[in-house]
Amino acid sequence: MNELIEKINTEFNAFKADAELQSEKSNKAAGTRARKASLILEKLLKEFRKESLDSSKA
């Protein structure tokens, strides 16, 4: 579970940096990277939710 949390933190930091570049400097490539990171985050957060529910049942 700790490894998953670390992956989520890493991906969120990448998303945050790219989203800031897009909004502050109108960097289109950063916007693309931010959207890709958001999709990866979505998958990681679903996996976290599943693991969290499994561990609470045990």
PDB file of N, CA and C in Angstrom:
ATOM      1  N   MET A   1       0.833  -1.193   0.000  1.00  0.00           N
ATOM      2  CA  MET A   1       0.000   0.000   0.000  1.00  0.00           C
ATOM      3  C   MET A   1       0.876   1.256   0.000  1.00  0.00           C
ATOM      4  N   ASN A   2       1.995   1.220   0.735  1.00  0.00           N
ATOM      5  CA  ASN A   2       2.884   2.388   0.778  1.00  0.00           C
ATOM      6  C   ASN A   2       3.474   2.695  -0.592  1.00  0.00           C
ATOM      7  N   GLU A   3       3.767   1.646  -1.352  1.00  0.00           N
ATOM      8  CA  GLU A   3       4.302   1.838  -2.700  1.00  0.00           C
ATOM      9  C   GLU A   3       3.269   2.532  -3.583  1.00  0.00           C
ATOM     10  N   LEU A   4       2.022   2.149  -3.440  1.00  0.00           N
ATOM     11  CA  LEU A   4       0.943   2.759  -4.214  1.00  0.00           C
ATOM     12  C   LEU A   4       0.788   4.239  -3.849  1.00  0.00           C
ATOM     13  N   ILE A   5       0.865   4.533  -2.574  1.00  0.00           N
ATOM     14  CA  ILE A   5       0.755   5.931  -2.125  1.00  0.00           C
ATOM     15  C   ILE A   5       1.910   6.758  -2.687  1.00  0.00           C
ATOM     16  N   GLU A   6       3.084   6.180  -2.726  1.00  0.00           N
ATOM     17  CA  GLU A   6       4.249   6.883  -3.287  1.00  0.00           C
ATOM     18  C   GLU A   6       4.045   7.157  -4.781  1.00  0.00           C
ATOM     19  N   LYS A   7       3.487   6.178  -5.512  1.00  0.00           N
ATOM     20  CA  LYS A   7       3.202   6.371  -6.936  1.00  0.00           C
ATOM     21  C   LYS A   7       2.184   7.500  -7.124  1.00  0.00           C
ATOM     22  N   ILE A   8       1.156   7.530  -6.275  1.00  0.00           N
ATOM     23  CA  ILE A   8       0.134   8.572  -6.368  1.00  0.00           C
ATOM     24  C   ILE A   8       0.763   9.943  -6.126  1.00  0.00           C
ATOM     25  N   ASN A   9       1.607  10.049  -5.098  1.00  0.00           N
ATOM     26  CA  ASN A   9       2.267  11.325  -4.802  1.00  0.00           C
ATOM     27  C   ASN A   9       3.155  11.785  -5.946  1.00  0.00           C
ATOM     28  N   THR A  10       3.912  10.869  -6.519  1.00  0.00           N
ATOM     29  CA  THR A  10       4.801  11.203  -7.632  1.00  0.00           C
ATOM     30  C   THR A  10       4.001  11.686  -8.840  1.00  0.00           C
ATOM     31  N   GLU A  11       2.951  10.967  -9.166  1.00  0.00           N
ATOM     32  CA  GLU A  11       2.133  11.340 -10.324  1.00  0.00           C
ATOM     33  C   GLU A  11       1.409  12.662 -10.084  1.00  0.00           C
ATOM     34  N   PHE A  12       0.949  12.884  -8.842  1.00  0.00           N
ATOM     35  CA  PHE A  12       0.268  14.138  -8.545  1.00  0.00           C
ATOM     36  C   PHE A  12       1.225  15.322  -8.665  1.00  0.00           C
ATOM     37  N   ASN A  13       2.455  15.149  -8.209  1.00  0.00           N
ATOM     38  CA  ASN A  13       3.433  16.234  -8.328  1.00  0.00           C
ATOM     39  C   ASN A  13       3.724  16.559  -9.784  1.00  0.00           C
ATOM     40  N   ALA A  14       3.802  15.531 -10.630  1.00  0.00           N
ATOM     41  CA  ALA A  14       4.000  15.754 -12.062  1.00  0.00           C
ATOM     42  C   ALA A  14       2.793  16.481 -12.654  1.00  0.00           C
ATOM     43  N   PHE A  15       1.597  16.051 -12.262  1.00  0.00           N
ATOM     44  CA  PHE A  15       0.373  16.705 -12.740  1.00  0.00           C
ATOM     45  C   PHE A  15       0.346  18.175 -12.321  1.00  0.00           C
ATOM     46  N   LYS A  16       0.660  18.433 -11.072  1.00  0.00           N
ATOM     47  CA  LYS A  16       0.627  19.798 -10.546  1.00  0.00           C
ATOM     48  C   LYS A  16       1.595  20.705 -11.306  1.00  0.00           C
ATOM     49  N   ALA A  17       2.806  20.220 -11.528  1.00  0.00           N
ATOM     50  CA  ALA A  17       3.801  21.024 -12.238  1.00  0.00           C
ATOM     51  C   ALA A  17       3.343  21.331 -13.662  1.00  0.00           C
ATOM     52  N   ASP A  18       2.835  20.331 -14.362  1.00  0.00           N
ATOM     53  CA  ASP A  18       2.385  20.538 -15.742  1.00  0.00           C
ATOM     54  C   ASP A  18       1.140  21.419 -15.806  1.00  0.00           C
ATOM     55  N   ALA A  19       0.234  21.252 -14.873  1.00  0.00           N
ATOM     56  CA  ALA A  19      -0.979  22.074 -14.862  1.00  0.00           C
ATOM     57  C   ALA A  19      -0.628  23.544 -14.610  1.00  0.00           C
ATOM     58  N   GLU A  20       0.334  23.786 -13.733  1.00  0.00           N
ATOM     59  CA  GLU A  20       0.766  25.164 -13.473  1.00  0.00           C
ATOM     60  C   GLU A  20       1.422  25.778 -14.702  1.00  0.00           C
ATOM     61  N   LEU A  21       2.249  24.994 -15.404  1.00  0.00           N
ATOM     62  CA  LEU A  21       2.870  25.498 -16.635  1.00  0.00           C
ATOM     63  C   LEU A  21       1.815  25.846 -17.678  1.00  0.00           C
ATOM     64  N   GLN A  22       0.797  25.013 -17.780  1.00  0.00           N
ATOM     65  CA  GLN A  22      -0.246  25.278 -18.764  1.00  0.00           C
ATOM     66  C   GLN A  22      -1.015  26.544 -18.414  1.00  0.00           C
ATOM     67  N   SER A  23      -1.383  26.690 -17.155  1.00  0.00           N
ATOM     68  CA  SER A  23      -2.215  27.831 -16.784  1.00  0.00           C
ATOM     69  C   SER A  23      -1.423  29.135 -16.739  1.00  0.00           C
ATOM     70  N   GLU A  24      -0.162  29.075 -16.321  1.00  0.00           N
ATOM     71  CA  GLU A  24       0.620  30.302 -16.181  1.00  0.00           C
ATOM     72  C   GLU A  24       1.272  30.749 -17.485  1.00  0.00           C
ATOM     73  N   LYS A  25       1.743  29.791 -18.272  1.00  0.00           N
ATOM     74  CA  LYS A  25       2.507  30.137 -19.468  1.00  0.00           C
ATOM     75  C   LYS A  25       1.852  29.673 -20.762  1.00  0.00           C
ATOM     76  N   SER A  26       0.635  29.170 -20.667  1.00  0.00           N
ATOM     77  CA  SER A  26      -0.107  28.664 -21.834  1.00  0.00           C
ATOM     78  C   SER A  26       0.701  27.642 -22.621  1.00  0.00           C
ATOM     79  N   ASN A  27       1.390  26.770 -21.901  1.00  0.00           N
ATOM     80  CA  ASN A  27       2.213  25.733 -22.507  1.00  0.00           C
ATOM     81  C   ASN A  27       1.314  24.561 -22.899  1.00  0.00           C
ATOM     82  N   LYS A  28       1.091  24.404 -24.213  1.00  0.00           N
ATOM     83  CA  LYS A  28       0.176  23.368 -24.697  1.00  0.00           C
ATOM     84  C   LYS A  28       0.688  21.953 -24.424  1.00  0.00           C
ATOM     85  N   ALA A  29       1.992  21.747 -24.545  1.00  0.00           N
ATOM     86  CA  ALA A  29       2.561  20.417 -24.285  1.00  0.00           C
ATOM     87  C   ALA A  29       2.378  20.042 -22.818  1.00  0.00           C
ATOM     88  N   ALA A  30       2.510  21.010 -21.932  1.00  0.00           N
ATOM     89  CA  ALA A  30       2.303  20.744 -20.507  1.00  0.00           C
ATOM     90  C   ALA A  30       0.852  20.369 -20.244  1.00  0.00           C
ATOM     91  N   GLY A  31      -0.063  20.962 -20.977  1.00  0.00           N
ATOM     92  CA  GLY A  31      -1.473  20.610 -20.846  1.00  0.00           C
ATOM     93  C   GLY A  31      -1.731  19.171 -21.233  1.00  0.00           C
ATOM     94  N   THR A  32      -1.074  18.733 -22.291  1.00  0.00           N
ATOM     95  CA  THR A  32      -1.207  17.342 -22.720  1.00  0.00           C
ATOM     96  C   THR A  32      -0.660  16.401 -21.657  1.00  0.00           C
ATOM     97  N   ARG A  33       0.502  16.744 -21.117  1.00  0.00           N
ATOM     98  CA  ARG A  33       1.095  15.909 -20.057  1.00  0.00           C
ATOM     99  C   ARG A  33       0.208  15.897 -18.813  1.00  0.00           C
ATOM    100  N   ALA A  34      -0.388  17.030 -18.482  1.00  0.00           N
ATOM    101  CA  ALA A  34      -1.267  17.103 -17.302  1.00  0.00           C
ATOM    102  C   ALA A  34      -2.506  16.231 -17.494  1.00  0.00           C
ATOM    103  N   ARG A  35      -3.072  16.256 -18.681  1.00  0.00           N
ATOM    104  CA  ARG A  35      -4.245  15.407 -18.949  1.00  0.00           C
ATOM    105  C   ARG A  35      -3.882  13.927 -18.870  1.00  0.00           C
ATOM    106  N   LYS A  36      -2.716  13.571 -19.397  1.00  0.00           N
ATOM    107  CA  LYS A  36      -2.266  12.178 -19.318  1.00  0.00           C
ATOM    108  C   LYS A  36      -2.056  11.778 -17.856  1.00  0.00           C
ATOM    109  N   ALA A  37      -1.439  12.661 -17.082  1.00  0.00           N
ATOM    110  CA  ALA A  37      -1.205  12.377 -15.656  1.00  0.00           C
ATOM    111  C   ALA A  37      -2.528  12.224 -14.914  1.00  0.00           C
ATOM    112  N   SER A  38      -3.543  12.999 -15.293  1.00  0.00           N
ATOM    113  CA  SER A  38      -4.837  12.891 -14.615  1.00  0.00           C
ATOM    114  C   SER A  38      -5.480  11.527 -14.863  1.00  0.00           C
ATOM    115  N   LEU A  39      -5.286  10.979 -16.065  1.00  0.00           N
ATOM    116  CA  LEU A  39      -5.816   9.646 -16.360  1.00  0.00           C
ATOM    117  C   LEU A  39      -5.077   8.573 -15.558  1.00  0.00           C
ATOM    118  N   ILE A  40      -3.774   8.722 -15.439  1.00  0.00           N
ATOM    119  CA  ILE A  40      -2.988   7.777 -14.643  1.00  0.00           C
ATOM    120  C   ILE A  40      -3.386   7.881 -13.177  1.00  0.00           C
ATOM    121  N   LEU A  41      -3.568   9.114 -12.692  1.00  0.00           N
ATOM    122  CA  LEU A  41      -3.995   9.314 -11.303  1.00  0.00           C
ATOM    123  C   LEU A  41      -5.339   8.658 -11.046  1.00  0.00           C
ATOM    124  N   GLU A  42      -6.245   8.777 -11.999  1.00  0.00           N
ATOM    125  CA  GLU A  42      -7.561   8.173 -11.841  1.00  0.00           C
ATOM    126  C   GLU A  42      -7.438   6.662 -11.610  1.00  0.00           C
ATOM    127  N   LYS A  43      -6.599   6.007 -12.403  1.00  0.00           N
ATOM    128  CA  LYS A  43      -6.403   4.564 -12.259  1.00  0.00           C
ATOM    129  C   LYS A  43      -5.761   4.234 -10.911  1.00  0.00           C
ATOM    130  N   LEU A  44      -4.745   5.016 -10.520  1.00  0.00           N
ATOM    131  CA  LEU A  44      -4.070   4.761  -9.251  1.00  0.00           C
ATOM    132  C   LEU A  44      -5.006   4.965  -8.069  1.00  0.00           C
ATOM    133  N   LEU A  45      -5.853   5.982  -8.144  1.00  0.00           N
ATOM    134  CA  LEU A  45      -6.783   6.246  -7.044  1.00  0.00           C
ATOM    135  C   LEU A  45      -7.848   5.158  -6.943  1.00  0.00           C
ATOM    136  N   LYS A  46      -8.278   4.613  -8.068  1.00  0.00           N
ATOM    137  CA  LYS A  46      -9.217   3.489  -8.033  1.00  0.00           C
ATOM    138  C   LYS A  46      -8.565   2.272  -7.392  1.00  0.00           C
ATOM    139  N   GLU A  47      -7.290   2.052  -7.729  1.00  0.00           N
ATOM    140  CA  GLU A  47      -6.557   0.935  -7.137  1.00  0.00           C
ATOM    141  C   GLU A  47      -6.394   1.150  -5.629  1.00  0.00           C
ATOM    142  N   PHE A  48      -6.122   2.391  -5.233  1.00  0.00           N
ATOM    143  CA  PHE A  48      -6.002   2.706  -3.801  1.00  0.00           C
ATOM    144  C   PHE A  48      -7.316   2.432  -3.080  1.00  0.00           C
ATOM    145  N   ARG A  49      -8.412   2.848  -3.681  1.00  0.00           N
ATOM    146  CA  ARG A  49      -9.722   2.630  -3.067  1.00  0.00           C
ATOM    147  C   ARG A  49      -9.985   1.140  -2.869  1.00  0.00           C
ATOM    148  N   LYS A  50      -9.655   0.342  -3.888  1.00  0.00           N
ATOM    149  CA  LYS A  50      -9.851  -1.105  -3.803  1.00  0.00           C
ATOM    150  C   LYS A  50      -9.000  -1.703  -2.683  1.00  0.00           C
ATOM    151  N   GLU A  51      -7.722  -1.334  -2.632  1.00  0.00           N
ATOM    152  CA  GLU A  51      -6.835  -1.861  -1.598  1.00  0.00           C
ATOM    153  C   GLU A  51      -7.261  -1.399  -0.211  1.00  0.00           C
ATOM    154  N   SER A  52      -7.725  -0.175  -0.120  1.00  0.00           N
ATOM    155  CA  SER A  52      -8.162   0.367   1.158  1.00  0.00           C
ATOM    156  C   SER A  52      -9.378  -0.388   1.677  1.00  0.00           C
ATOM    157  N   LEU A  53     -10.323  -0.663   0.801  1.00  0.00           N
ATOM    158  CA  LEU A  53     -11.505  -1.427   1.199  1.00  0.00           C
ATOM    159  C   LEU A  53     -11.138  -2.854   1.594  1.00  0.00           C
ATOM    160  N   ASP A  54     -10.229  -3.460   0.841  1.00  0.00           N
ATOM    161  CA  ASP A  54      -9.799  -4.820   1.164  1.00  0.00           C
ATOM    162  C   ASP A  54      -9.115  -4.885   2.525  1.00  0.00           C
ATOM    163  N   SER A  55      -8.287  -3.902   2.817  1.00  0.00           N
ATOM    164  CA  SER A  55      -7.572  -3.924   4.096  1.00  0.00           C
ATOM    165  C   SER A  55      -8.507  -3.620   5.268  1.00  0.00           C
ATOM    166  N   SER A  56      -9.556  -2.849   5.026  1.00  0.00           N
ATOM    167  CA  SER A  56     -10.485  -2.556   6.115  1.00  0.00           C
ATOM    168  C   SER A  56     -11.389  -3.750   6.420  1.00  0.00           C
ATOM    169  N   LYS A  57     -11.575  -4.633   5.448  1.00  0.00           N
ATOM    170  CA  LYS A  57     -12.389  -5.833   5.650  1.00  0.00           C
ATOM    171  C   LYS A  57     -11.619  -6.920   6.400  1.00  0.00           C
ATOM    172  N   ALA A  58     -10.311  -6.886   6.278  1.00  0.00           N
ATOM    173  CA  ALA A  58      -9.477  -7.940   6.893  1.00  0.00           C
ATOM    174  C   ALA A  58      -9.315  -7.750   8.382  1.00  0.00           C
TER     175      ALA A  58
END
